[in-house]
Amino acid sequence: MLLEERDKIENKYEKSCRIYLNLKKLEVWKKSKIIHTYITFRSEVDTRLIINNALIEGKRVLCPKIMGNNLLIGEIKSFNDLTVGKYGILEPINIISINLEDIDIIIVPGIAFDLKGYRLGYGGGYYDRFLKNLKRPIKIGLIFDQLIKKELPHTNMDIKMDIIISENRVIFISKEYY
């Protein structure tokens, strides 16, 4: 039902641009040198503008690559460094080895987010396993405003975001990032 709601949202690209502008204003974005972001799939918030501008700003851009049950990391310097991977999602051609604590920001996709920072993903648990033991990277969820819900069901396996950004607002879950 939430996927259908997301699919019906109008002006997704314009709203995605506004989400990027909200992200760009954050001090954590301005200070970041290494970001990890998903590559847009279906009707998700479009991350192409984020990726292009991060590369222009000289940031390292890392993206997820699914292998088995794991979310691995590849670095891209342009969209030419991507290929169609598992589930038909674009992902980096090559994986790299990096200390995950060196990543400044991890941008996380979701079908919906709630005001406590929890997300509804696609059910594979890739991001929750990937984020489970990370302390330093700031976890940012991008979502269209109408898909921010008061509360979503979650378990102790679900990882909360630090910040949620929509086209209309920035919600700071972890107070240290105000």
Protein backbone atom coordinates (compact mmCIF):
# COMPACT_ATOMS: atom_id res chain seq x y z
CA MET A 1 0.00 0.00 0.00
CA LEU A 2 2.81 2.46 0.85
CA LEU A 3 4.62 1.54 -2.38
CA GLU A 4 1.45 2.35 -4.30
CA GLU A 5 1.19 5.63 -2.42
CA ARG A 6 4.80 6.45 -3.34
CA ASP A 7 4.26 5.48 -6.98
CA LYS A 8 1.37 7.97 -7.21
CA ILE A 9 3.31 10.95 -5.86
CA GLU A 10 3.47 13.70 -8.47
CA ASN A 11 6.46 15.89 -9.31
CA LYS A 12 8.97 13.43 -7.83
CA TYR A 13 11.96 15.01 -9.56
CA GLU A 14 11.07 18.51 -8.35
CA LYS A 15 10.54 17.17 -4.82
CA SER A 16 13.83 15.25 -5.03
CA CYS A 17 15.58 18.52 -5.94
CA ARG A 18 14.07 20.18 -2.87
CA ILE A 19 15.20 17.25 -0.74
CA TYR A 20 18.73 17.71 -2.10
CA LEU A 21 18.63 21.43 -1.27
CA ASN A 22 17.57 20.58 2.30
CA LEU A 23 20.45 18.11 2.55
CA LYS A 24 22.95 20.59 1.10
CA LYS A 25 22.13 23.16 3.81
CA LEU A 26 23.16 20.81 6.62
CA GLU A 27 26.50 21.32 8.31
CA VAL A 28 27.08 17.56 8.22
CA TRP A 29 26.83 17.66 4.40
CA LYS A 30 29.13 20.67 4.12
CA LYS A 31 31.79 18.96 6.26
CA SER A 32 31.48 15.53 4.65
CA LYS A 33 34.25 14.15 2.48
CA ILE A 34 32.99 10.57 1.97
CA ILE A 35 29.33 9.82 1.39
CA HIS A 36 27.53 6.56 0.76
CA THR A 37 24.26 6.79 -1.12
CA TYR A 38 21.84 4.45 -2.80
CA ILE A 39 21.17 4.67 -6.52
CA THR A 40 17.55 5.54 -7.21
CA PHE A 41 15.30 2.59 -7.97
CA ARG A 42 11.72 2.85 -9.18
CA SER A 43 9.86 5.69 -7.47
CA GLU A 44 12.38 6.40 -4.68
CA VAL A 45 13.71 9.88 -3.99
CA ASP A 46 16.02 10.58 -6.93
CA THR A 47 19.66 10.63 -5.83
CA ARG A 48 21.24 11.60 -9.18
CA LEU A 49 21.45 15.28 -8.21
CA ILE A 50 23.05 14.36 -4.88
CA ILE A 51 25.60 12.13 -6.60
CA ASN A 52 26.44 14.66 -9.34
CA ASN A 53 26.88 17.50 -6.90
CA ALA A 54 28.88 15.43 -4.43
CA LEU A 55 31.29 14.54 -7.24
CA ILE A 56 31.50 18.19 -8.35
CA GLU A 57 32.24 19.20 -4.74
CA GLY A 58 35.10 16.68 -4.66
CA LYS A 59 33.46 14.24 -2.25
CA ARG A 60 34.12 10.52 -2.58
CA VAL A 61 30.88 8.79 -3.55
CA LEU A 62 30.31 5.22 -2.42
CA CYS A 63 27.30 3.13 -3.41
CA PRO A 64 25.90 -0.24 -2.35
CA LYS A 65 26.55 -3.49 -4.19
CA ILE A 66 24.57 -6.57 -3.17
CA MET A 67 26.46 -9.85 -3.03
CA GLY A 68 24.65 -12.77 -1.44
CA ASN A 69 23.04 -11.47 1.74
CA ASN A 70 25.55 -8.64 2.13
CA LEU A 71 25.63 -5.01 1.17
CA LEU A 72 29.17 -4.27 -0.02
CA ILE A 73 30.62 -0.98 -1.21
CA GLY A 74 31.86 0.35 -4.50
CA GLU A 75 33.15 3.80 -5.36
CA ILE A 76 31.93 5.71 -8.38
CA LYS A 77 33.44 8.68 -10.17
CA SER A 78 30.56 8.90 -12.68
CA PHE A 79 27.41 7.05 -13.64
CA ASN A 80 29.56 5.09 -16.12
CA ASP A 81 30.91 3.17 -13.11
CA LEU A 82 27.51 1.50 -12.60
CA THR A 83 25.94 -1.67 -13.96
CA VAL A 84 22.63 -3.42 -13.40
CA GLY A 85 22.89 -5.71 -10.39
CA LYS A 86 20.68 -7.81 -8.18
CA TYR A 87 16.98 -6.90 -8.30
CA GLY A 88 17.64 -4.75 -11.40
CA ILE A 89 19.18 -1.96 -9.31
CA LEU A 90 22.17 -0.02 -10.59
CA GLU A 91 25.28 -0.69 -8.52
CA PRO A 92 29.04 -0.13 -8.79
CA ILE A 93 30.94 -2.43 -11.11
CA ASN A 94 33.74 -3.00 -8.60
CA ILE A 95 33.80 -3.29 -4.83
CA ILE A 96 36.37 -1.56 -2.65
CA SER A 97 37.73 -2.12 0.82
CA ILE A 98 37.22 0.80 3.18
CA ASN A 99 36.93 1.31 6.92
CA LEU A 100 33.19 1.99 7.24
CA GLU A 101 33.85 4.39 10.13
CA ASP A 102 35.64 6.68 7.63
CA ILE A 103 32.31 7.34 5.88
CA ASP A 104 30.78 10.66 6.95
CA ILE A 105 27.20 10.18 5.73
CA ILE A 106 25.17 7.15 4.71
CA ILE A 107 22.05 8.04 2.74
CA VAL A 108 19.45 5.32 3.18
CA PRO A 109 16.40 4.55 1.04
CA GLY A 110 13.03 3.58 2.42
CA ILE A 111 9.41 3.10 1.50
CA ALA A 112 8.43 5.16 4.54
CA PHE A 113 10.03 6.63 7.67
CA ASP A 114 8.53 7.53 11.01
CA LEU A 115 9.11 10.41 13.41
CA LYS A 116 11.29 8.22 15.63
CA GLY A 117 13.74 7.52 12.78
CA TYR A 118 12.64 4.02 11.87
CA ARG A 119 12.20 3.00 8.27
CA LEU A 120 10.18 0.56 6.29
CA GLY A 121 12.50 -1.02 3.75
CA TYR A 122 11.92 -3.71 1.18
CA GLY A 123 12.27 -6.59 3.64
CA GLY A 124 15.71 -7.93 2.75
CA GLY A 125 17.43 -6.48 5.82
CA TYR A 126 20.50 -5.42 3.80
CA TYR A 127 20.72 -1.91 5.24
CA ASP A 128 19.93 -2.98 8.81
CA ARG A 129 22.76 -5.55 8.71
CA PHE A 130 25.09 -3.03 7.04
CA LEU A 131 24.35 -0.26 9.57
CA LYS A 132 24.14 -2.46 12.67
CA ASN A 133 27.56 -1.83 14.22
CA LEU A 134 28.38 1.56 12.73
CA LYS A 135 28.93 4.42 15.16
CA ARG A 136 30.36 7.36 13.23
CA PRO A 137 28.59 7.69 9.90
CA ILE A 138 25.49 9.87 10.09
CA LYS A 139 22.51 7.92 8.82
CA ILE A 140 20.16 10.04 6.71
CA GLY A 141 16.85 8.84 5.33
CA LEU A 142 15.43 10.54 2.26
CA ILE A 143 11.67 10.39 1.79
CA PHE A 144 8.78 12.26 0.23
CA ASP A 145 6.95 14.17 2.96
CA GLN A 146 3.64 12.31 2.69
CA LEU A 147 5.49 9.05 3.50
CA ILE A 148 6.69 10.28 6.88
CA LYS A 149 4.38 8.50 9.29
CA LYS A 150 3.83 9.08 13.00
CA GLU A 151 4.96 5.54 13.80
CA LEU A 152 5.94 2.40 11.89
CA PRO A 153 6.25 -1.11 13.25
CA HIS A 154 9.85 -2.01 14.09
CA THR A 155 11.92 -4.60 15.90
CA ASN A 156 15.18 -4.41 17.82
CA MET A 157 16.93 -5.41 14.56
CA ASP A 158 15.82 -2.17 12.85
CA ILE A 159 18.34 0.66 12.78
CA LYS A 160 17.15 4.22 13.40
CA MET A 161 18.19 7.13 11.22
CA ASP A 162 19.88 10.19 12.69
CA ILE A 163 18.18 12.60 10.29
CA ILE A 164 15.18 12.32 7.95
CA ILE A 165 14.89 14.73 5.05
CA SER A 166 11.84 15.40 2.91
CA GLU A 167 11.03 18.17 0.47
CA ASN A 168 9.33 20.15 3.28
CA ARG A 169 11.32 19.44 6.41
CA VAL A 170 14.42 18.12 8.11
CA ILE A 171 13.77 15.97 11.17
CA PHE A 172 16.69 15.57 13.56
CA ILE A 173 16.28 12.28 15.42
CA SER A 174 19.70 12.41 17.08
CA LYS A 175 20.02 15.77 18.77
CA GLU A 176 23.79 15.91 18.27
CA TYR A 177 23.29 16.84 14.59
CA TYR A 178 21.16 19.98 15.07
